[in-house]
C-alpha cells in the first residue's frame, strides 16, 4: 500500500528573462504544479515593454500562475544590479522551489538572469533547478525530467500562443516543442519530457502528470525532483 502524505502547498517561482522563456523551458511543469494546487509565480526580469507584459500576463493565467515583473528590465540590455537582486529577493523570499535559465547561455539576458538568481539566493537553501532555453550552452546537463503529457503540452502551447508578437519564432512552434519533448523523453525513458538540471533541492517536488492526477481524482503527493 502506498503511504499517503498530507498535501502541502508549495511556493514555486520560475524566473524568466523574457516573456515566453519560462513557458518554453518549464511550461508543462509549471502548469502541473498549479493544477495540483501549488502557488506558481513567474518572475519576469524584462517587464518594461507594455505589449509583451500584457502577453506575459495572459500566458501566466493560462498556466494558472501569477506574474510579477521588474518594470526596469529591457530586452537585450538586462544588467546585474543591486536593485534587481533586491527585487528578486523579495519575490523568492517565501519560495520552496526556484526554476531559472542555466548560466551557460548564448543570450546575454539569460546569463544576467542566472547571475541575478544566484545573488538573490546566495543565503538561501531553497530548491533550485535550471531549465533549458533555445540558447542554452553545452554545459546544460539535465539531471531531472518532467514527463510531458498530451494535456500538459496543450496547456503549454496555449500559454505560448498568448505571446502573439513572437509568433514568427521557430522555436515556439508546436512541431519544434514536440521534437524537443521527444528528444528529452528518449533520454529519460519517457514518451516526452522537459529537462532540468538540479542545483540543490530541499522540498523540490514534482507533481504527478496531469493525466494521472486527474485519474486519481485529487491533489497528489509528488516524486522528488532529481529522480528520473
C-alpha atoms as a PDB file:
ATOM      1  CA  UNK A   1       0.000   0.000   0.000  1.00  0.00           C
ATOM      2  CA  UNK A   2       1.336   3.439  -0.907  1.00  0.00           C
ATOM      3  CA  UNK A   3       1.916   5.724   2.042  1.00  0.00           C
ATOM      4  CA  UNK A   4      -0.372   8.756   1.918  1.00  0.00           C
ATOM      5  CA  UNK A   5       1.221  12.118   2.674  1.00  0.00           C
ATOM      6  CA  UNK A   6      -0.820  15.174   3.663  1.00  0.00           C
ATOM      7  CA  UNK A   7      -0.972  17.793   0.952  1.00  0.00           C
ATOM      8  CA  UNK A   8       1.297  20.783   1.478  1.00  0.00           C
ATOM      9  CA  UNK A   9       1.054  23.672  -0.914  1.00  0.00           C
ATOM     10  CA  UNK A  10       4.425  24.693  -2.302  1.00  0.00           C
ATOM     11  CA  UNK A  11       5.504  28.153  -3.408  1.00  0.00           C
ATOM     12  CA  UNK A  12       7.075  27.698  -6.855  1.00  0.00           C
ATOM     13  CA  UNK A  13       8.865  30.563  -8.621  1.00  0.00           C
ATOM     14  CA  UNK A  14      10.058  30.442 -12.232  1.00  0.00           C
ATOM     15  CA  UNK A  15      12.390  33.302 -13.123  1.00  0.00           C
ATOM     16  CA  UNK A  16      12.032  34.292 -16.762  1.00  0.00           C
ATOM     17  CA  UNK A  17      14.473  36.620 -18.567  1.00  0.00           C
ATOM     18  CA  UNK A  18      11.847  37.443 -21.214  1.00  0.00           C
ATOM     19  CA  UNK A  19       8.184  36.722 -21.720  1.00  0.00           C
ATOM     20  CA  UNK A  20       7.976  33.127 -23.091  1.00  0.00           C
ATOM     21  CA  UNK A  21      11.270  31.765 -21.648  1.00  0.00           C
ATOM     22  CA  UNK A  22       9.684  30.107 -18.602  1.00  0.00           C
ATOM     23  CA  UNK A  23       6.861  28.730 -20.750  1.00  0.00           C
ATOM     24  CA  UNK A  24       9.349  27.257 -23.220  1.00  0.00           C
ATOM     25  CA  UNK A  25      11.605  25.729 -20.583  1.00  0.00           C
ATOM     26  CA  UNK A  26       9.165  24.686 -17.874  1.00  0.00           C
ATOM     27  CA  UNK A  27       5.629  25.384 -19.075  1.00  0.00           C
ATOM     28  CA  UNK A  28       4.310  21.847 -18.667  1.00  0.00           C
ATOM     29  CA  UNK A  29       5.789  21.503 -15.199  1.00  0.00           C
ATOM     30  CA  UNK A  30       4.505  24.895 -14.040  1.00  0.00           C
ATOM     31  CA  UNK A  31       1.019  24.102 -15.306  1.00  0.00           C
ATOM     32  CA  UNK A  32       1.113  20.802 -13.442  1.00  0.00           C
ATOM     33  CA  UNK A  33       2.189  22.454 -10.194  1.00  0.00           C
ATOM     34  CA  UNK A  34      -0.691  24.916 -10.492  1.00  0.00           C
ATOM     35  CA  UNK A  35      -3.170  22.157 -11.324  1.00  0.00           C
ATOM     36  CA  UNK A  36      -2.058  20.277  -8.210  1.00  0.00           C
ATOM     37  CA  UNK A  37      -2.915  23.276  -6.031  1.00  0.00           C
ATOM     38  CA  UNK A  38       0.539  24.796  -5.598  1.00  0.00           C
ATOM     39  CA  UNK A  39       1.193  28.514  -5.870  1.00  0.00           C
ATOM     40  CA  UNK A  40       3.128  29.307  -9.042  1.00  0.00           C
ATOM     41  CA  UNK A  41       4.728  32.677  -9.779  1.00  0.00           C
ATOM     42  CA  UNK A  42       6.593  33.742 -12.904  1.00  0.00           C
ATOM     43  CA  UNK A  43       9.105  36.485 -12.090  1.00  0.00           C
ATOM     44  CA  UNK A  44       9.770  38.360 -15.321  1.00  0.00           C
ATOM     45  CA  UNK A  45      13.062  40.235 -15.431  1.00  0.00           C
ATOM     46  CA  UNK A  46      12.310  42.345 -18.535  1.00  0.00           C
ATOM     47  CA  UNK A  47       8.904  43.854 -17.844  1.00  0.00           C
ATOM     48  CA  UNK A  48       9.486  47.220 -19.490  1.00  0.00           C
ATOM     49  CA  UNK A  49       7.607  46.537 -22.732  1.00  0.00           C
ATOM     50  CA  UNK A  50       3.871  47.047 -22.165  1.00  0.00           C
ATOM     51  CA  UNK A  51       2.742  44.931 -25.115  1.00  0.00           C
ATOM     52  CA  UNK A  52       4.853  41.957 -24.134  1.00  0.00           C
ATOM     53  CA  UNK A  53       3.953  42.428 -20.481  1.00  0.00           C
ATOM     54  CA  UNK A  54       0.266  42.128 -21.367  1.00  0.00           C
ATOM     55  CA  UNK A  55       1.001  38.964 -23.331  1.00  0.00           C
ATOM     56  CA  UNK A  56       3.010  37.560 -20.422  1.00  0.00           C
ATOM     57  CA  UNK A  57       0.128  38.133 -18.004  1.00  0.00           C
ATOM     58  CA  UNK A  58      -2.226  36.271 -20.335  1.00  0.00           C
ATOM     59  CA  UNK A  59       0.228  33.390 -20.723  1.00  0.00           C
ATOM     60  CA  UNK A  60       0.749  33.112 -16.960  1.00  0.00           C
ATOM     61  CA  UNK A  61      -3.020  32.978 -16.458  1.00  0.00           C
ATOM     62  CA  UNK A  62      -3.280  30.047 -18.881  1.00  0.00           C
ATOM     63  CA  UNK A  63      -0.701  28.147 -16.812  1.00  0.00           C
ATOM     64  CA  UNK A  64      -2.505  29.027 -13.585  1.00  0.00           C
ATOM     65  CA  UNK A  65       0.384  31.242 -12.476  1.00  0.00           C
ATOM     66  CA  UNK A  66       0.756  34.769 -11.157  1.00  0.00           C
ATOM     67  CA  UNK A  67       3.058  37.164 -12.993  1.00  0.00           C
ATOM     68  CA  UNK A  68       5.337  39.697 -11.309  1.00  0.00           C
ATOM     69  CA  UNK A  69       7.594  41.866 -13.443  1.00  0.00           C
ATOM     70  CA  UNK A  70      10.558  44.162 -12.970  1.00  0.00           C
ATOM     71  CA  UNK A  71       9.488  47.278 -14.924  1.00  0.00           C
ATOM     72  CA  UNK A  72      13.078  48.487 -15.289  1.00  0.00           C
ATOM     73  CA  UNK A  73      14.281  45.480 -17.317  1.00  0.00           C
ATOM     74  CA  UNK A  74      14.718  45.869 -21.070  1.00  0.00           C
ATOM     75  CA  UNK A  75      15.110  43.131 -23.664  1.00  0.00           C
ATOM     76  CA  UNK A  76      18.734  42.882 -24.785  1.00  0.00           C
ATOM     77  CA  UNK A  77      20.119  45.129 -22.055  1.00  0.00           C
ATOM     78  CA  UNK A  78      19.448  43.341 -18.769  1.00  0.00           C
ATOM     79  CA  UNK A  79      22.214  44.136 -16.298  1.00  0.00           C
ATOM     80  CA  UNK A  80      23.016  42.634 -12.920  1.00  0.00           C
ATOM     81  CA  UNK A  81      22.348  45.423 -10.445  1.00  0.00           C
ATOM     82  CA  UNK A  82      21.810  45.638  -6.715  1.00  0.00           C
ATOM     83  CA  UNK A  83      18.283  46.903  -7.272  1.00  0.00           C
ATOM     84  CA  UNK A  84      17.356  43.899  -9.450  1.00  0.00           C
ATOM     85  CA  UNK A  85      18.855  41.450  -6.981  1.00  0.00           C
ATOM     86  CA  UNK A  86      16.829  43.040  -4.189  1.00  0.00           C
ATOM     87  CA  UNK A  87      13.673  42.976  -6.308  1.00  0.00           C
ATOM     88  CA  UNK A  88      14.086  39.269  -6.950  1.00  0.00           C
ATOM     89  CA  UNK A  89      14.987  38.584  -3.313  1.00  0.00           C
ATOM     90  CA  UNK A  90      11.557  39.890  -2.355  1.00  0.00           C
ATOM     91  CA  UNK A  91       9.822  37.528  -4.770  1.00  0.00           C
ATOM     92  CA  UNK A  92      11.767  34.388  -3.813  1.00  0.00           C
ATOM     93  CA  UNK A  93      11.786  35.045  -0.065  1.00  0.00           C
ATOM     94  CA  UNK A  94       8.963  32.555   0.581  1.00  0.00           C
ATOM     95  CA  UNK A  95       9.772  30.165  -2.271  1.00  0.00           C
ATOM     96  CA  UNK A  96      10.176  26.433  -1.807  1.00  0.00           C
ATOM     97  CA  UNK A  97      11.458  25.850  -5.337  1.00  0.00           C
ATOM     98  CA  UNK A  98      13.005  28.191  -7.903  1.00  0.00           C
ATOM     99  CA  UNK A  99      13.491  27.491 -11.609  1.00  0.00           C
ATOM    100  CA  UNK A 100      15.719  29.685 -13.783  1.00  0.00           C
ATOM    101  CA  UNK A 101      17.699  29.564 -17.045  1.00  0.00           C
ATOM    102  CA  UNK A 102      21.091  27.873 -16.978  1.00  0.00           C
ATOM    103  CA  UNK A 103      24.101  30.235 -16.588  1.00  0.00           C
ATOM    104  CA  UNK A 104      25.731  28.839 -19.734  1.00  0.00           C
ATOM    105  CA  UNK A 105      23.628  30.545 -22.408  1.00  0.00           C
ATOM    106  CA  UNK A 106      24.478  32.480 -25.527  1.00  0.00           C
ATOM    107  CA  UNK A 107      21.861  35.158 -24.772  1.00  0.00           C
ATOM    108  CA  UNK A 108      23.233  37.886 -22.531  1.00  0.00           C
ATOM    109  CA  UNK A 109      19.895  38.451 -20.760  1.00  0.00           C
ATOM    110  CA  UNK A 110      19.699  34.772 -19.847  1.00  0.00           C
ATOM    111  CA  UNK A 111      23.194  34.850 -18.372  1.00  0.00           C
ATOM    112  CA  UNK A 112      22.349  38.013 -16.437  1.00  0.00           C
ATOM    113  CA  UNK A 113      19.173  36.395 -15.094  1.00  0.00           C
ATOM    114  CA  UNK A 114      21.087  33.351 -13.857  1.00  0.00           C
ATOM    115  CA  UNK A 115      23.571  35.679 -12.112  1.00  0.00           C
ATOM    116  CA  UNK A 116      20.747  37.678 -10.504  1.00  0.00           C
ATOM    117  CA  UNK A 117      19.134  34.444  -9.302  1.00  0.00           C
ATOM    118  CA  UNK A 118      22.435  33.250  -7.848  1.00  0.00           C
ATOM    119  CA  UNK A 119      22.901  36.521  -5.977  1.00  0.00           C
ATOM    120  CA  UNK A 120      19.294  36.596  -4.750  1.00  0.00           C
ATOM    121  CA  UNK A 121      19.614  33.042  -3.379  1.00  0.00           C
ATOM    122  CA  UNK A 122      23.145  33.369  -2.038  1.00  0.00           C
ATOM    123  CA  UNK A 123      21.994  32.944   1.592  1.00  0.00           C
ATOM    124  CA  UNK A 124      19.170  30.527   0.812  1.00  0.00           C
ATOM    125  CA  UNK A 125      18.881  26.749   0.816  1.00  0.00           C
ATOM    126  CA  UNK A 126      15.763  26.841  -1.346  1.00  0.00           C
ATOM    127  CA  UNK A 127      15.436  24.222  -4.054  1.00  0.00           C
ATOM    128  CA  UNK A 128      16.953  25.448  -7.318  1.00  0.00           C
ATOM    129  CA  UNK A 129      16.942  23.927 -10.789  1.00  0.00           C
ATOM    130  CA  UNK A 130      17.992  25.298 -14.161  1.00  0.00           C
ATOM    131  CA  UNK A 131      15.669  24.931 -17.142  1.00  0.00           C
ATOM    132  CA  UNK A 132      16.701  24.807 -20.780  1.00  0.00           C
ATOM    133  CA  UNK A 133      16.192  27.671 -23.229  1.00  0.00           C
ATOM    134  CA  UNK A 134      16.700  27.614 -27.028  1.00  0.00           C
ATOM    135  CA  UNK A 135      20.102  29.238 -26.454  1.00  0.00           C
ATOM    136  CA  UNK A 136      21.360  27.099 -23.552  1.00  0.00           C
ATOM    137  CA  UNK A 137      25.008  26.122 -23.870  1.00  0.00           C
ATOM    138  CA  UNK A 138      26.551  22.658 -23.998  1.00  0.00           C
ATOM    139  CA  UNK A 139      27.175  22.532 -20.240  1.00  0.00           C
ATOM    140  CA  UNK A 140      23.449  22.343 -19.536  1.00  0.00           C
ATOM    141  CA  UNK A 141      23.277  18.781 -18.228  1.00  0.00           C
ATOM    142  CA  UNK A 142      19.784  17.573 -17.351  1.00  0.00           C
ATOM    143  CA  UNK A 143      19.552  15.510 -14.186  1.00  0.00           C
ATOM    144  CA  UNK A 144      15.753  15.529 -13.795  1.00  0.00           C
ATOM    145  CA  UNK A 145      12.934  15.210 -16.286  1.00  0.00           C
ATOM    146  CA  UNK A 146       9.249  16.014 -16.062  1.00  0.00           C
ATOM    147  CA  UNK A 147       7.083  13.696 -18.203  1.00  0.00           C
ATOM    148  CA  UNK A 148       5.104  15.827 -20.644  1.00  0.00           C
ATOM    149  CA  UNK A 149       1.585  14.558 -21.277  1.00  0.00           C
ATOM    150  CA  UNK A 150      -0.692  15.436 -24.164  1.00  0.00           C
ATOM    151  CA  UNK A 151      -2.697  17.596 -21.763  1.00  0.00           C
ATOM    152  CA  UNK A 152       0.273  19.489 -20.302  1.00  0.00           C
ATOM    153  CA  UNK A 153       1.705  20.075 -23.778  1.00  0.00           C
ATOM    154  CA  UNK A 154      -1.595  21.583 -24.903  1.00  0.00           C
ATOM    155  CA  UNK A 155      -1.728  23.891 -21.867  1.00  0.00           C
ATOM    156  CA  UNK A 156       1.847  24.992 -22.524  1.00  0.00           C
ATOM    157  CA  UNK A 157       1.054  25.604 -26.182  1.00  0.00           C
ATOM    158  CA  UNK A 158      -1.971  27.739 -25.322  1.00  0.00           C
ATOM    159  CA  UNK A 159       0.203  29.783 -22.985  1.00  0.00           C
ATOM    160  CA  UNK A 160       2.868  30.242 -25.658  1.00  0.00           C
ATOM    161  CA  UNK A 161       0.239  31.333 -28.164  1.00  0.00           C
ATOM    162  CA  UNK A 162      -0.574  34.279 -25.886  1.00  0.00           C
ATOM    163  CA  UNK A 163       2.809  35.718 -26.960  1.00  0.00           C
ATOM    164  CA  UNK A 164       1.393  36.886 -30.273  1.00  0.00           C
ATOM    165  CA  UNK A 165       4.290  39.218 -31.056  1.00  0.00           C
ATOM    166  CA  UNK A 166       6.581  36.164 -31.050  1.00  0.00           C
ATOM    167  CA  UNK A 167       4.517  34.046 -33.435  1.00  0.00           C
ATOM    168  CA  UNK A 168       7.323  34.073 -36.013  1.00  0.00           C
ATOM    169  CA  UNK A 169       9.781  32.374 -33.653  1.00  0.00           C
ATOM    170  CA  UNK A 170      10.503  28.891 -34.982  1.00  0.00           C
ATOM    171  CA  UNK A 171      11.424  27.503 -31.565  1.00  0.00           C
ATOM    172  CA  UNK A 172       7.930  28.285 -30.244  1.00  0.00           C
ATOM    173  CA  UNK A 173       6.146  26.316 -32.941  1.00  0.00           C
ATOM    174  CA  UNK A 174       4.351  23.150 -31.826  1.00  0.00           C
ATOM    175  CA  UNK A 175       6.475  20.911 -34.046  1.00  0.00           C
ATOM    176  CA  UNK A 176       9.701  22.254 -32.518  1.00  0.00           C
ATOM    177  CA  UNK A 177       8.404  21.780 -28.991  1.00  0.00           C
ATOM    178  CA  UNK A 178       7.254  18.260 -29.826  1.00  0.00           C
ATOM    179  CA  UNK A 179      10.737  17.384 -31.131  1.00  0.00           C
ATOM    180  CA  UNK A 180      12.343  18.854 -28.003  1.00  0.00           C
ATOM    181  CA  UNK A 181       9.983  16.903 -25.756  1.00  0.00           C
ATOM    182  CA  UNK A 182      10.600  13.695 -27.695  1.00  0.00           C
ATOM    183  CA  UNK A 183      14.395  14.055 -27.535  1.00  0.00           C
ATOM    184  CA  UNK A 184      14.485  14.597 -23.793  1.00  0.00           C
ATOM    185  CA  UNK A 185      11.834  11.933 -23.374  1.00  0.00           C
ATOM    186  CA  UNK A 186      14.121   9.496 -25.164  1.00  0.00           C
ATOM    187  CA  UNK A 187      16.984  10.463 -22.869  1.00  0.00           C
ATOM    188  CA  UNK A 188      14.850   9.885 -19.782  1.00  0.00           C
ATOM    189  CA  UNK A 189      12.777   6.886 -20.799  1.00  0.00           C
ATOM    190  CA  UNK A 190       9.516   8.804 -21.216  1.00  0.00           C
ATOM    191  CA  UNK A 191       7.500   9.419 -24.390  1.00  0.00           C
ATOM    192  CA  UNK A 192       8.153  13.154 -23.882  1.00  0.00           C
ATOM    193  CA  UNK A 193       9.808  15.244 -21.170  1.00  0.00           C
ATOM    194  CA  UNK A 194      11.015  18.672 -20.044  1.00  0.00           C
ATOM    195  CA  UNK A 195      14.640  18.644 -18.823  1.00  0.00           C
ATOM    196  CA  UNK A 196      16.058  20.301 -15.692  1.00  0.00           C
ATOM    197  CA  UNK A 197      19.476  20.492 -14.091  1.00  0.00           C
ATOM    198  CA  UNK A 198      19.106  20.275 -10.331  1.00  0.00           C
ATOM    199  CA  UNK A 199      21.447  22.543  -8.382  1.00  0.00           C
ATOM    200  CA  UNK A 200      20.054  21.776  -4.948  1.00  0.00           C
ATOM    201  CA  UNK A 201      16.724  20.734  -3.583  1.00  0.00           C
ATOM    202  CA  UNK A 202      15.037  20.882  -0.222  1.00  0.00           C
ATOM    203  CA  UNK A 203      11.383  20.295  -0.978  1.00  0.00           C
ATOM    204  CA  UNK A 204      11.800  20.107  -4.777  1.00  0.00           C
ATOM    205  CA  UNK A 205       8.747  18.016  -5.572  1.00  0.00           C
ATOM    206  CA  UNK A 206       7.289  17.147  -8.938  1.00  0.00           C
ATOM    207  CA  UNK A 207       3.541  16.716  -9.299  1.00  0.00           C
ATOM    208  CA  UNK A 208       2.224  13.559 -10.874  1.00  0.00           C
ATOM    209  CA  UNK A 209       1.498  14.269 -14.561  1.00  0.00           C
ATOM    210  CA  UNK A 210      -1.943  15.804 -15.062  1.00  0.00           C
ATOM    211  CA  UNK A 211      -3.490  12.826 -16.827  1.00  0.00           C
ATOM    212  CA  UNK A 212      -2.520  10.677 -13.842  1.00  0.00           C
ATOM    213  CA  UNK A 213      -3.646  13.001 -11.065  1.00  0.00           C
ATOM    214  CA  UNK A 214      -6.992  13.547 -12.760  1.00  0.00           C
ATOM    215  CA  UNK A 215      -7.411   9.778 -12.765  1.00  0.00           C
ATOM    216  CA  UNK A 216      -6.548   9.689  -9.066  1.00  0.00           C
ATOM    217  CA  UNK A 217      -9.217  12.322  -8.608  1.00  0.00           C
ATOM    218  CA  UNK A 218      -7.425  14.792  -6.337  1.00  0.00           C
ATOM    219  CA  UNK A 219      -4.271  16.602  -5.390  1.00  0.00           C
ATOM    220  CA  UNK A 220      -1.397  14.205  -5.150  1.00  0.00           C
ATOM    221  CA  UNK A 221       1.872  13.916  -3.346  1.00  0.00           C
ATOM    222  CA  UNK A 222       4.905  14.143  -5.584  1.00  0.00           C
ATOM    223  CA  UNK A 223       8.033  12.339  -6.549  1.00  0.00           C
ATOM    224  CA  UNK A 224      11.307  14.014  -5.665  1.00  0.00           C
ATOM    225  CA  UNK A 225      12.823  16.244  -8.321  1.00  0.00           C
ATOM    226  CA  UNK A 226      16.090  14.615  -9.264  1.00  0.00           C
ATOM    227  CA  UNK A 227      14.646  11.127  -9.638  1.00  0.00           C
ATOM    228  CA  UNK A 228      14.305  10.079 -13.250  1.00  0.00           C
END
